[in-house]
C-alpha atoms as a PDB file:
ATOM      1  CA  MET A   1      27.105  33.829  19.539  1.00  0.00           C
ATOM      2  CA  LYS A   2      28.698  30.689  18.154  1.00  0.00           C
ATOM      3  CA  ARG A   3      30.233  31.147  14.706  1.00  0.00           C
ATOM      4  CA  ARG A   4      30.284  28.341  12.197  1.00  0.00           C
ATOM      5  CA  ARG A   5      33.340  27.486  10.202  1.00  0.00           C
ATOM      6  CA  PRO A   6      32.833  28.688   6.613  1.00  0.00           C
ATOM      7  CA  ASP A   7      33.655  25.232   5.219  1.00  0.00           C
ATOM      8  CA  VAL A   8      30.909  23.482   7.179  1.00  0.00           C
ATOM      9  CA  GLY A   9      27.465  23.439   5.594  1.00  0.00           C
ATOM     10  CA  ALA A  10      24.117  23.066   7.271  1.00  0.00           C
ATOM     11  CA  ALA A  11      22.382  19.786   6.742  1.00  0.00           C
ATOM     12  CA  CYS A  12      19.610  19.934   4.211  1.00  0.00           C
ATOM     13  CA  PRO A  13      16.059  19.394   5.382  1.00  0.00           C
ATOM     14  CA  PRO A  14      14.587  15.952   4.742  1.00  0.00           C
ATOM     15  CA  ALA A  15      13.471  15.258   1.200  1.00  0.00           C
ATOM     16  CA  ALA A  16       9.866  14.572   0.323  1.00  0.00           C
ATOM     17  CA  ALA A  17       9.053  10.887   0.577  1.00  0.00           C
ATOM     18  CA  GLY A  18       6.741   8.751  -1.458  1.00  0.00           C
ATOM     19  CA  ALA A  19       6.661   7.089  -4.807  1.00  0.00           C
ATOM     20  CA  ASP A  20       5.962   8.949  -8.025  1.00  0.00           C
ATOM     21  CA  GLY A  21       3.190   7.097  -9.823  1.00  0.00           C
ATOM     22  CA  ARG A  22       3.240   9.133 -13.021  1.00  0.00           C
ATOM     23  CA  PRO A  23       3.746   7.215 -16.266  1.00  0.00           C
ATOM     24  CA  VAL A  24       7.253   6.984 -17.734  1.00  0.00           C
ATOM     25  CA  ASP A  25       6.113   7.133 -21.332  1.00  0.00           C
ATOM     26  CA  GLY A  26       3.912   9.366 -23.394  1.00  0.00           C
ATOM     27  CA  PRO A  27       4.193  13.002 -24.484  1.00  0.00           C
ATOM     28  CA  ALA A  28       4.290  14.491 -20.971  1.00  0.00           C
ATOM     29  CA  ALA A  29       6.959  12.046 -19.805  1.00  0.00           C
ATOM     30  CA  ASP A  30       8.980  12.671 -22.969  1.00  0.00           C
ATOM     31  CA  ALA A  31       8.909  16.428 -22.353  1.00  0.00           C
ATOM     32  CA  GLU A  32       9.873  15.921 -18.714  1.00  0.00           C
ATOM     33  CA  LEU A  33      12.798  13.669 -19.640  1.00  0.00           C
ATOM     34  CA  ALA A  34      13.988  16.136 -22.283  1.00  0.00           C
ATOM     35  CA  ALA A  35      13.910  19.000 -19.754  1.00  0.00           C
ATOM     36  CA  LEU A  36      15.896  17.002 -17.193  1.00  0.00           C
ATOM     37  CA  CYS A  37      18.428  15.940 -19.832  1.00  0.00           C
ATOM     38  CA  LYS A  38      18.836  19.555 -20.870  1.00  0.00           C
ATOM     39  CA  ALA A  39      19.480  20.521 -17.236  1.00  0.00           C
ATOM     40  CA  VAL A  40      22.275  17.960 -16.890  1.00  0.00           C
ATOM     41  CA  GLY A  41      23.538  18.601 -20.422  1.00  0.00           C
ATOM     42  CA  HIS A  42      26.666  20.466 -19.314  1.00  0.00           C
ATOM     43  CA  PRO A  43      29.747  18.840 -17.735  1.00  0.00           C
ATOM     44  CA  ALA A  44      29.880  21.453 -14.960  1.00  0.00           C
ATOM     45  CA  ARG A  45      26.309  20.651 -13.914  1.00  0.00           C
ATOM     46  CA  VAL A  46      27.090  16.925 -13.896  1.00  0.00           C
ATOM     47  CA  ARG A  47      30.119  17.676 -11.700  1.00  0.00           C
ATOM     48  CA  ILE A  48      27.976  19.752  -9.334  1.00  0.00           C
ATOM     49  CA  LEU A  49      25.507  16.872  -8.989  1.00  0.00           C
ATOM     50  CA  ARG A  50      28.376  14.474  -8.258  1.00  0.00           C
ATOM     51  CA  LEU A  51      29.803  16.832  -5.622  1.00  0.00           C
ATOM     52  CA  LEU A  52      26.433  17.133  -3.919  1.00  0.00           C
ATOM     53  CA  ALA A  53      25.959  13.348  -4.010  1.00  0.00           C
ATOM     54  CA  GLN A  54      29.288  12.887  -2.226  1.00  0.00           C
ATOM     55  CA  ARG A  55      28.645  15.450   0.507  1.00  0.00           C
ATOM     56  CA  ASN A  56      24.922  15.507   1.368  1.00  0.00           C
ATOM     57  CA  GLU A  57      25.208  19.296   1.622  1.00  0.00           C
ATOM     58  CA  CYS A  58      27.386  21.944   0.106  1.00  0.00           C
ATOM     59  CA  ILE A  59      27.844  25.688   0.388  1.00  0.00           C
ATOM     60  CA  CYS A  60      28.101  27.524  -2.923  1.00  0.00           C
ATOM     61  CA  GLY A  61      31.654  28.623  -2.087  1.00  0.00           C
ATOM     62  CA  GLN A  62      32.703  24.999  -1.648  1.00  0.00           C
ATOM     63  CA  ILE A  63      31.333  24.165  -5.076  1.00  0.00           C
ATOM     64  CA  VAL A  64      33.165  27.124  -6.608  1.00  0.00           C
ATOM     65  CA  ALA A  65      36.408  25.901  -5.021  1.00  0.00           C
ATOM     66  CA  GLU A  66      35.991  22.510  -6.726  1.00  0.00           C
ATOM     67  CA  LEU A  67      35.329  23.827 -10.228  1.00  0.00           C
ATOM     68  CA  PRO A  68      37.542  25.833 -12.586  1.00  0.00           C
ATOM     69  CA  LEU A  69      34.742  28.377 -13.054  1.00  0.00           C
ATOM     70  CA  SER A  70      33.902  31.788 -11.660  1.00  0.00           C
ATOM     71  CA  GLN A  71      31.418  32.145  -8.830  1.00  0.00           C
ATOM     72  CA  SER A  72      28.871  33.771 -11.134  1.00  0.00           C
ATOM     73  CA  THR A  73      29.106  30.910 -13.653  1.00  0.00           C
ATOM     74  CA  VAL A  74      28.686  28.311 -10.896  1.00  0.00           C
ATOM     75  CA  SER A  75      25.664  30.248  -9.625  1.00  0.00           C
ATOM     76  CA  GLN A  76      24.125  30.153 -13.113  1.00  0.00           C
ATOM     77  CA  HIS A  77      24.633  26.376 -13.291  1.00  0.00           C
ATOM     78  CA  LEU A  78      23.120  25.963  -9.816  1.00  0.00           C
ATOM     79  CA  ALA A  79      20.101  28.014 -10.913  1.00  0.00           C
ATOM     80  CA  VAL A  80      19.548  25.717 -13.920  1.00  0.00           C
ATOM     81  CA  LEU A  81      19.703  22.627 -11.705  1.00  0.00           C
ATOM     82  CA  LYS A  82      17.381  24.205  -9.148  1.00  0.00           C
ATOM     83  CA  ARG A  83      14.796  25.239 -11.782  1.00  0.00           C
ATOM     84  CA  ALA A  84      14.810  21.657 -13.065  1.00  0.00           C
ATOM     85  CA  GLY A  85      14.129  20.425  -9.528  1.00  0.00           C
ATOM     86  CA  LEU A  86      17.335  18.363  -9.354  1.00  0.00           C
ATOM     87  CA  ILE A  87      18.670  20.311  -6.370  1.00  0.00           C
ATOM     88  CA  ARG A  88      17.248  22.493  -3.644  1.00  0.00           C
ATOM     89  CA  GLY A  89      18.845  25.291  -1.734  1.00  0.00           C
ATOM     90  CA  THR A  90      18.278  26.570   1.772  1.00  0.00           C
ATOM     91  CA  ILE A  91      19.494  29.957   2.925  1.00  0.00           C
ATOM     92  CA  ASP A  92      21.802  29.824   5.940  1.00  0.00           C
ATOM     93  CA  GLY A  93      22.602  33.426   6.801  1.00  0.00           C
ATOM     94  CA  PRO A  94      24.686  34.878   3.972  1.00  0.00           C
ATOM     95  CA  ARG A  95      25.233  31.427   2.433  1.00  0.00           C
ATOM     96  CA  THR A  96      23.065  28.988   0.546  1.00  0.00           C
ATOM     97  CA  CYS A  97      23.313  25.271   1.243  1.00  0.00           C
ATOM     98  CA  TYR A  98      22.529  23.074  -1.772  1.00  0.00           C
ATOM     99  CA  CYS A  99      21.380  19.452  -1.698  1.00  0.00           C
ATOM    100  CA  LEU A 100      20.248  16.899  -4.221  1.00  0.00           C
ATOM    101  CA  GLU A 101      16.509  16.420  -4.602  1.00  0.00           C
ATOM    102  CA  PRO A 102      16.220  12.618  -4.369  1.00  0.00           C
ATOM    103  CA  ARG A 103      12.641  12.433  -5.605  1.00  0.00           C
ATOM    104  CA  THR A 104      13.512  14.201  -8.876  1.00  0.00           C
ATOM    105  CA  LEU A 105      16.603  12.032  -9.302  1.00  0.00           C
ATOM    106  CA  ARG A 106      14.479   8.891  -8.849  1.00  0.00           C
ATOM    107  CA  ARG A 107      12.037  10.237 -11.423  1.00  0.00           C
ATOM    108  CA  PHE A 108      14.908  10.973 -13.821  1.00  0.00           C
ATOM    109  CA  ARG A 109      16.165   7.386 -13.437  1.00  0.00           C
ATOM    110  CA  ALA A 110      12.694   6.006 -14.054  1.00  0.00           C
ATOM    111  CA  LEU A 111      12.183   8.156 -17.146  1.00  0.00           C
ATOM    112  CA  ALA A 112      15.600   7.255 -18.572  1.00  0.00           C
ATOM    113  CA  GLY A 113      15.018   3.597 -17.728  1.00  0.00           C
ATOM    114  CA  GLY A 114      11.796   3.710 -19.728  1.00  0.00           C
ATOM    115  CA  LEU A 115      13.679   4.334 -22.988  1.00  0.00           C
END
């Protein structure tokens, strides 16, 4: 059985394609934008998003190594980002590989651009 190095993450599965035709203004869009802003409203979560953007995949332990936070705190921040749909995680044995969710990030840009 071939063992993987612990610092090498599995590639994330392809992201969903297609344009999001929902409006970028109105009450529903305002609520969506507010929820996404709340999810990125902590410097550690912004840093996690930047790390994932640089790497295309990342194991939770790698993220912990980059931040001055405990593993449990990083996991809580990852959970907030995942609930908001900004990242996705795939289980790879005992590890979880996290990736950005490009479709949600495009939607976030469109909503913010509509201000």
